[in-house]
C-alpha atoms as a PDB file:
ATOM      1  CA  MET A   1      32.074 206.376  88.956  1.00  0.00           C
ATOM      2  CA  ALA A   2      35.519 207.455  87.788  1.00  0.00           C
ATOM      3  CA  PRO A   3      37.863 204.743  86.497  1.00  0.00           C
ATOM      4  CA  LYS A   4      40.511 203.462  88.911  1.00  0.00           C
ATOM      5  CA  PRO A   5      43.833 205.199  88.298  1.00  0.00           C
ATOM      6  CA  PRO A   6      46.700 202.973  87.159  1.00  0.00           C
ATOM      7  CA  ALA A   7      48.764 201.616  90.062  1.00  0.00           C
ATOM      8  CA  VAL A   8      52.564 201.345  89.878  1.00  0.00           C
ATOM      9  CA  LEU A   9      54.965 199.652  92.294  1.00  0.00           C
ATOM     10  CA  PHE A  10      58.646 200.652  92.248  1.00  0.00           C
ATOM     11  CA  VAL A  11      61.021 198.093  93.795  1.00  0.00           C
ATOM     12  CA  CYS A  12      64.679 198.102  94.798  1.00  0.00           C
ATOM     13  CA  VAL A  13      66.510 196.133  97.485  1.00  0.00           C
ATOM     14  CA  LYS A  14      66.443 198.464 100.513  1.00  0.00           C
ATOM     15  CA  ASN A  15      63.568 200.761  99.479  1.00  0.00           C
ATOM     16  CA  GLY A  16      65.603 203.645 100.838  1.00  0.00           C
ATOM     17  CA  GLY A  17      66.865 205.289  97.657  1.00  0.00           C
ATOM     18  CA  LYS A  18      66.050 204.556  94.018  1.00  0.00           C
ATOM     19  CA  SER A  19      62.525 203.144  94.405  1.00  0.00           C
ATOM     20  CA  GLN A  20      61.601 205.916  96.855  1.00  0.00           C
ATOM     21  CA  MET A  21      62.949 208.547  94.444  1.00  0.00           C
ATOM     22  CA  ALA A  22      60.937 207.070  91.568  1.00  0.00           C
ATOM     23  CA  ALA A  23      57.760 207.033  93.666  1.00  0.00           C
ATOM     24  CA  ALA A  24      58.280 210.608  94.872  1.00  0.00           C
ATOM     25  CA  LEU A  25      58.969 211.830  91.337  1.00  0.00           C
ATOM     26  CA  LEU A  26      55.892 210.121  89.901  1.00  0.00           C
ATOM     27  CA  ARG A  27      53.710 211.609  92.657  1.00  0.00           C
ATOM     28  CA  HIS A  28      55.291 215.010  92.036  1.00  0.00           C
ATOM     29  CA  HIS A  29      54.674 214.916  88.287  1.00  0.00           C
ATOM     30  CA  GLU A  30      51.177 213.468  88.344  1.00  0.00           C
ATOM     31  CA  GLY A  31      49.680 213.731  91.825  1.00  0.00           C
ATOM     32  CA  ASP A  32      46.620 211.545  92.298  1.00  0.00           C
ATOM     33  CA  ALA A  33      46.242 210.460  88.656  1.00  0.00           C
ATOM     34  CA  VAL A  34      48.468 207.440  89.385  1.00  0.00           C
ATOM     35  CA  GLU A  35      48.422 205.254  92.501  1.00  0.00           C
ATOM     36  CA  VAL A  36      52.098 205.039  93.496  1.00  0.00           C
ATOM     37  CA  HIS A  37      53.813 202.483  95.751  1.00  0.00           C
ATOM     38  CA  SER A  38      57.412 201.616  96.547  1.00  0.00           C
ATOM     39  CA  ALA A  39      58.884 198.653  98.406  1.00  0.00           C
ATOM     40  CA  GLY A  40      62.073 196.681  98.881  1.00  0.00           C
ATOM     41  CA  THR A  41      63.036 193.037  98.647  1.00  0.00           C
ATOM     42  CA  ARG A  42      65.073 193.495 101.854  1.00  0.00           C
ATOM     43  CA  PRO A  43      64.008 196.912 103.166  1.00  0.00           C
ATOM     44  CA  GLY A  44      66.462 198.898 105.206  1.00  0.00           C
ATOM     45  CA  SER A  45      65.668 200.910 108.294  1.00  0.00           C
ATOM     46  CA  ALA A  46      65.905 204.425 106.841  1.00  0.00           C
ATOM     47  CA  LEU A  47      66.003 206.471 103.666  1.00  0.00           C
ATOM     48  CA  ASN A  48      69.306 207.219 101.985  1.00  0.00           C
ATOM     49  CA  ALA A  49      70.129 210.798 103.038  1.00  0.00           C
ATOM     50  CA  GLN A  50      71.694 211.666  99.677  1.00  0.00           C
ATOM     51  CA  SER A  51      68.613 210.388  97.823  1.00  0.00           C
ATOM     52  CA  THR A  52      66.384 212.569  99.995  1.00  0.00           C
ATOM     53  CA  GLU A  53      68.655 215.577  99.434  1.00  0.00           C
ATOM     54  CA  ALA A  54      68.869 215.039  95.658  1.00  0.00           C
ATOM     55  CA  ILE A  55      65.065 214.851  95.389  1.00  0.00           C
ATOM     56  CA  ALA A  56      64.660 217.950  97.572  1.00  0.00           C
ATOM     57  CA  GLU A  57      66.792 219.884  95.081  1.00  0.00           C
ATOM     58  CA  LEU A  58      63.891 219.439  92.629  1.00  0.00           C
ATOM     59  CA  GLY A  59      61.340 220.682  95.147  1.00  0.00           C
ATOM     60  CA  VAL A  60      60.139 217.148  95.940  1.00  0.00           C
ATOM     61  CA  ASP A  61      59.818 215.941  99.530  1.00  0.00           C
ATOM     62  CA  MET A  62      60.191 212.263 100.344  1.00  0.00           C
ATOM     63  CA  SER A  63      61.475 212.753 103.895  1.00  0.00           C
ATOM     64  CA  ASP A  64      58.368 211.150 105.441  1.00  0.00           C
ATOM     65  CA  ALA A  65      58.701 207.946 103.404  1.00  0.00           C
ATOM     66  CA  VAL A  66      59.532 204.734 105.237  1.00  0.00           C
ATOM     67  CA  PRO A  67      61.139 201.623 103.718  1.00  0.00           C
ATOM     68  CA  LYS A  68      58.561 198.847 103.301  1.00  0.00           C
ATOM     69  CA  PRO A  69      58.712 195.211 102.169  1.00  0.00           C
ATOM     70  CA  VAL A  70      57.305 193.833  98.944  1.00  0.00           C
ATOM     71  CA  THR A  71      54.157 191.872  99.775  1.00  0.00           C
ATOM     72  CA  ALA A  72      51.969 189.522  97.795  1.00  0.00           C
ATOM     73  CA  GLU A  73      49.070 191.937  98.309  1.00  0.00           C
ATOM     74  CA  LEU A  74      51.068 194.764  96.730  1.00  0.00           C
ATOM     75  CA  LEU A  75      52.138 192.620  93.766  1.00  0.00           C
ATOM     76  CA  ARG A  76      48.551 191.532  93.123  1.00  0.00           C
ATOM     77  CA  GLY A  77      47.148 195.037  93.544  1.00  0.00           C
ATOM     78  CA  VAL A  78      49.182 196.989  91.013  1.00  0.00           C
ATOM     79  CA  ASP A  79      49.081 197.331  87.246  1.00  0.00           C
ATOM     80  CA  GLN A  80      52.839 197.564  86.753  1.00  0.00           C
ATOM     81  CA  VAL A  81      55.889 196.494  88.792  1.00  0.00           C
ATOM     82  CA  ILE A  82      59.107 198.336  88.022  1.00  0.00           C
ATOM     83  CA  VAL A  83      62.317 196.924  89.465  1.00  0.00           C
ATOM     84  CA  ILE A  84      65.024 199.573  89.583  1.00  0.00           C
ATOM     85  CA  GLY A  85      68.567 198.347  89.041  1.00  0.00           C
ATOM     86  CA  GLY A  86      69.908 194.836  88.727  1.00  0.00           C
ATOM     87  CA  ASP A  87      70.151 193.783  92.374  1.00  0.00           C
ATOM     88  CA  ALA A  88      66.481 193.318  93.293  1.00  0.00           C
ATOM     89  CA  VAL A  89      64.554 190.472  91.695  1.00  0.00           C
ATOM     90  CA  ILE A  90      60.796 190.007  91.721  1.00  0.00           C
ATOM     91  CA  GLU A  91      59.226 186.764  90.576  1.00  0.00           C
ATOM     92  CA  PRO A  92      55.608 186.551  89.389  1.00  0.00           C
ATOM     93  CA  ILE A  93      53.185 185.084  91.932  1.00  0.00           C
ATOM     94  CA  GLY A  94      49.738 183.516  91.618  1.00  0.00           C
ATOM     95  CA  ALA A  95      46.895 185.888  90.664  1.00  0.00           C
ATOM     96  CA  MET A  96      49.387 188.611  89.733  1.00  0.00           C
ATOM     97  CA  THR A  97      48.607 190.272  86.394  1.00  0.00           C
ATOM     98  CA  ALA A  98      51.110 193.147  86.405  1.00  0.00           C
ATOM     99  CA  PRO A  99      54.105 193.059  84.100  1.00  0.00           C
ATOM    100  CA  ILE A 100      57.493 193.097  85.803  1.00  0.00           C
ATOM    101  CA  ILE A 101      59.774 195.612  84.129  1.00  0.00           C
ATOM    102  CA  THR A 102      63.430 196.181  84.984  1.00  0.00           C
ATOM    103  CA  TRP A 103      65.007 199.606  84.634  1.00  0.00           C
ATOM    104  CA  ARG A 104      68.772 199.173  84.349  1.00  0.00           C
ATOM    105  CA  THR A 105      69.574 202.596  85.710  1.00  0.00           C
ATOM    106  CA  ASP A 106      72.836 204.470  85.391  1.00  0.00           C
ATOM    107  CA  GLU A 107      75.345 203.653  88.127  1.00  0.00           C
ATOM    108  CA  PRO A 108      77.877 206.496  88.145  1.00  0.00           C
ATOM    109  CA  SER A 109      79.958 204.845  90.890  1.00  0.00           C
ATOM    110  CA  LEU A 110      81.127 202.343  88.246  1.00  0.00           C
ATOM    111  CA  ARG A 111      82.772 205.340  86.554  1.00  0.00           C
ATOM    112  CA  GLY A 112      84.296 206.644  89.801  1.00  0.00           C
ATOM    113  CA  ILE A 113      81.573 209.266  90.408  1.00  0.00           C
ATOM    114  CA  GLU A 114      80.502 209.359  94.059  1.00  0.00           C
ATOM    115  CA  GLY A 115      78.637 211.489  96.586  1.00  0.00           C
ATOM    116  CA  MET A 116      76.002 214.009  95.593  1.00  0.00           C
ATOM    117  CA  GLU A 117      77.261 214.156  92.010  1.00  0.00           C
ATOM    118  CA  ARG A 118      76.496 210.421  91.717  1.00  0.00           C
ATOM    119  CA  MET A 119      73.094 210.799  93.345  1.00  0.00           C
ATOM    120  CA  ARG A 120      72.081 213.666  91.040  1.00  0.00           C
ATOM    121  CA  LEU A 121      72.926 211.549  87.985  1.00  0.00           C
ATOM    122  CA  VAL A 122      70.929 208.616  89.382  1.00  0.00           C
ATOM    123  CA  ARG A 123      68.025 210.954  90.174  1.00  0.00           C
ATOM    124  CA  ASP A 124      68.050 212.473  86.692  1.00  0.00           C
ATOM    125  CA  ASP A 125      68.109 209.038  85.045  1.00  0.00           C
ATOM    126  CA  ILE A 126      65.167 207.882  87.162  1.00  0.00           C
ATOM    127  CA  ASP A 127      63.303 211.145  86.523  1.00  0.00           C
ATOM    128  CA  ALA A 128      63.616 210.716  82.740  1.00  0.00           C
ATOM    129  CA  ARG A 129      62.268 207.161  83.016  1.00  0.00           C
ATOM    130  CA  VAL A 130      59.418 208.268  85.294  1.00  0.00           C
ATOM    131  CA  ARG A 131      58.411 210.972  82.807  1.00  0.00           C
ATOM    132  CA  ALA A 132      58.409 208.411  79.966  1.00  0.00           C
ATOM    133  CA  LEU A 133      56.363 206.014  82.089  1.00  0.00           C
ATOM    134  CA  LEU A 134      53.922 208.779  82.916  1.00  0.00           C
ATOM    135  CA  ALA A 135      53.510 209.635  79.245  1.00  0.00           C
ATOM    136  CA  ASP A 136      52.663 205.984  78.575  1.00  0.00           C
ATOM    137  CA  LEU A 137      50.252 205.747  81.494  1.00  0.00           C
ATOM    138  CA  VAL A 138      48.296 208.871  80.619  1.00  0.00           C
ATOM    139  CA  THR A 139      48.028 207.899  76.947  1.00  0.00           C
ATOM    140  CA  GLY A 140      46.918 204.398  77.880  1.00  0.00           C
ATOM    141  CA  ALA A 141      49.890 202.682  76.269  1.00  0.00           C
ATOM    142  CA  GLY A 142      50.693 200.922  79.531  1.00  0.00           C
ATOM    143  CA  THR A 143      54.224 199.651  79.062  1.00  0.00           C
ATOM    144  CA  ARG A 144      57.281 200.896  77.202  1.00  0.00           C
ATOM    145  CA  LEU A 145      58.941 198.154  75.251  1.00  0.00           C
ATOM    146  CA  GLY A 146      62.308 199.852  75.090  1.00  0.00           C
ATOM    147  CA  SER A 147      63.599 203.117  73.763  1.00  0.00           C
ATOM    148  CA  SER A 148      66.736 204.662  72.389  1.00  0.00           C
ATOM    149  CA  ASP A 149      67.789 205.861  75.859  1.00  0.00           C
ATOM    150  CA  GLY A 150      68.658 202.311  76.864  1.00  0.00           C
ATOM    151  CA  GLN A 151      65.528 201.787  78.937  1.00  0.00           C
ATOM    152  CA  GLN A 152      64.881 198.063  79.158  1.00  0.00           C
ATOM    153  CA  ASP A 153      61.862 196.121  80.156  1.00  0.00           C
ATOM    154  CA  ALA A 154      61.491 192.509  81.089  1.00  0.00           C
ATOM    155  CA  ALA A 155      60.444 191.460  77.603  1.00  0.00           C
ATOM    156  CA  ALA A 156      63.587 193.011  76.162  1.00  0.00           C
ATOM    157  CA  ASP A 157      65.978 191.343  78.583  1.00  0.00           C
ATOM    158  CA  GLY A 158      64.199 187.993  78.293  1.00  0.00           C
ATOM    159  CA  ARG A 159      63.412 187.452  81.980  1.00  0.00           C
ATOM    160  CA  HIS A 160      59.663 188.034  81.856  1.00  0.00           C
ATOM    161  CA  ARG A 161      57.043 188.462  79.189  1.00  0.00           C
ATOM    162  CA  ALA A 162      55.087 191.644  79.835  1.00  0.00           C
ATOM    163  CA  PRO A 163      51.329 191.084  79.984  1.00  0.00           C
ATOM    164  CA  GLU A 164      48.964 193.390  78.182  1.00  0.00           C
ATOM    165  CA  LEU A 165      48.031 196.319  80.403  1.00  0.00           C
ATOM    166  CA  ARG A 166      44.869 198.270  79.763  1.00  0.00           C
ATOM    167  CA  ARG A 167      44.103 201.771  81.019  1.00  0.00           C
ATOM    168  CA  ASP A 168      41.217 200.468  83.155  1.00  0.00           C
ATOM    169  CA  GLY A 169      43.754 198.489  85.205  1.00  0.00           C
ATOM    170  CA  THR A 170      42.950 195.063  83.831  1.00  0.00           C
ATOM    171  CA  GLY A 171      45.436 192.932  82.008  1.00  0.00           C
ATOM    172  CA  THR A 172      46.477 189.450  81.035  1.00  0.00           C
ATOM    173  CA  GLY A 173      49.664 187.492  80.702  1.00  0.00           C
ATOM    174  CA  THR A 174      52.187 185.261  82.393  1.00  0.00           C
ATOM    175  CA  GLY A 175      55.853 185.372  83.054  1.00  0.00           C
ATOM    176  CA  THR A 176      58.763 183.330  84.262  1.00  0.00           C
ATOM    177  CA  GLY A 177      61.876 184.611  85.858  1.00  0.00           C
ATOM    178  CA  THR A 178      65.527 183.906  86.303  1.00  0.00           C
ATOM    179  CA  GLY A 179      68.362 186.060  87.425  1.00  0.00           C
ATOM    180  CA  THR A 180      70.685 186.971  90.218  1.00  0.00           C
ATOM    181  CA  GLY A 181      70.371 189.438  93.014  1.00  0.00           C
ATOM    182  CA  THR A 182      68.299 189.860  96.092  1.00  0.00           C
ATOM    183  CA  GLY A 183      64.750 188.760  95.493  1.00  0.00           C
ATOM    184  CA  THR A 184      61.579 187.874  97.241  1.00  0.00           C
ATOM    185  CA  GLY A 185      60.335 184.343  97.548  1.00  0.00           C
ATOM    186  CA  LEU A 186      56.685 185.136  98.061  1.00  0.00           C
ATOM    187  CA  GLY A 187      55.574 181.957  96.337  1.00  0.00           C
ATOM    188  CA  ASP A 188      51.808 181.688  96.038  1.00  0.00           C
ATOM    189  CA  MET A 189      50.970 183.804  99.083  1.00  0.00           C
END
């Protein structure tokens, strides 16, 4: 029997833009070698049209994706949880072994860049992070503990301690969380 592929959950608030782009890009780059999920802490009703358009420019289709909520089942079933941006917050829950990593992505609107130019910059930042994640997953390294491109993980920003993640999908560790933003209070579901 073949080993279970690593499972990754990308999270943002509405699950209509950044987390959907990350999921689509990871699927595009690696296909079935990684089990990919995306969800939101307060999912919206539709995808962000500019996100869908920016991804399509790379030959990636995410138009059939639907915003979904973060669930306890999802959190317990993945090997890595990646929160994209600073607005969504995920707290560890009982029986969850996945590390929670935060990608503080570029936000061009803070520099006055809007529209499709903004979305392309966001897409390219997420794509670079997805490619680095993929390199770690396929080499069995599991988590990136920071890099010169400003990528941060939970251990680096002090909110969570990243558990050990093994290629076979098992891992150990605990974490605690603090922060601001829109989060999920799943408790011990």
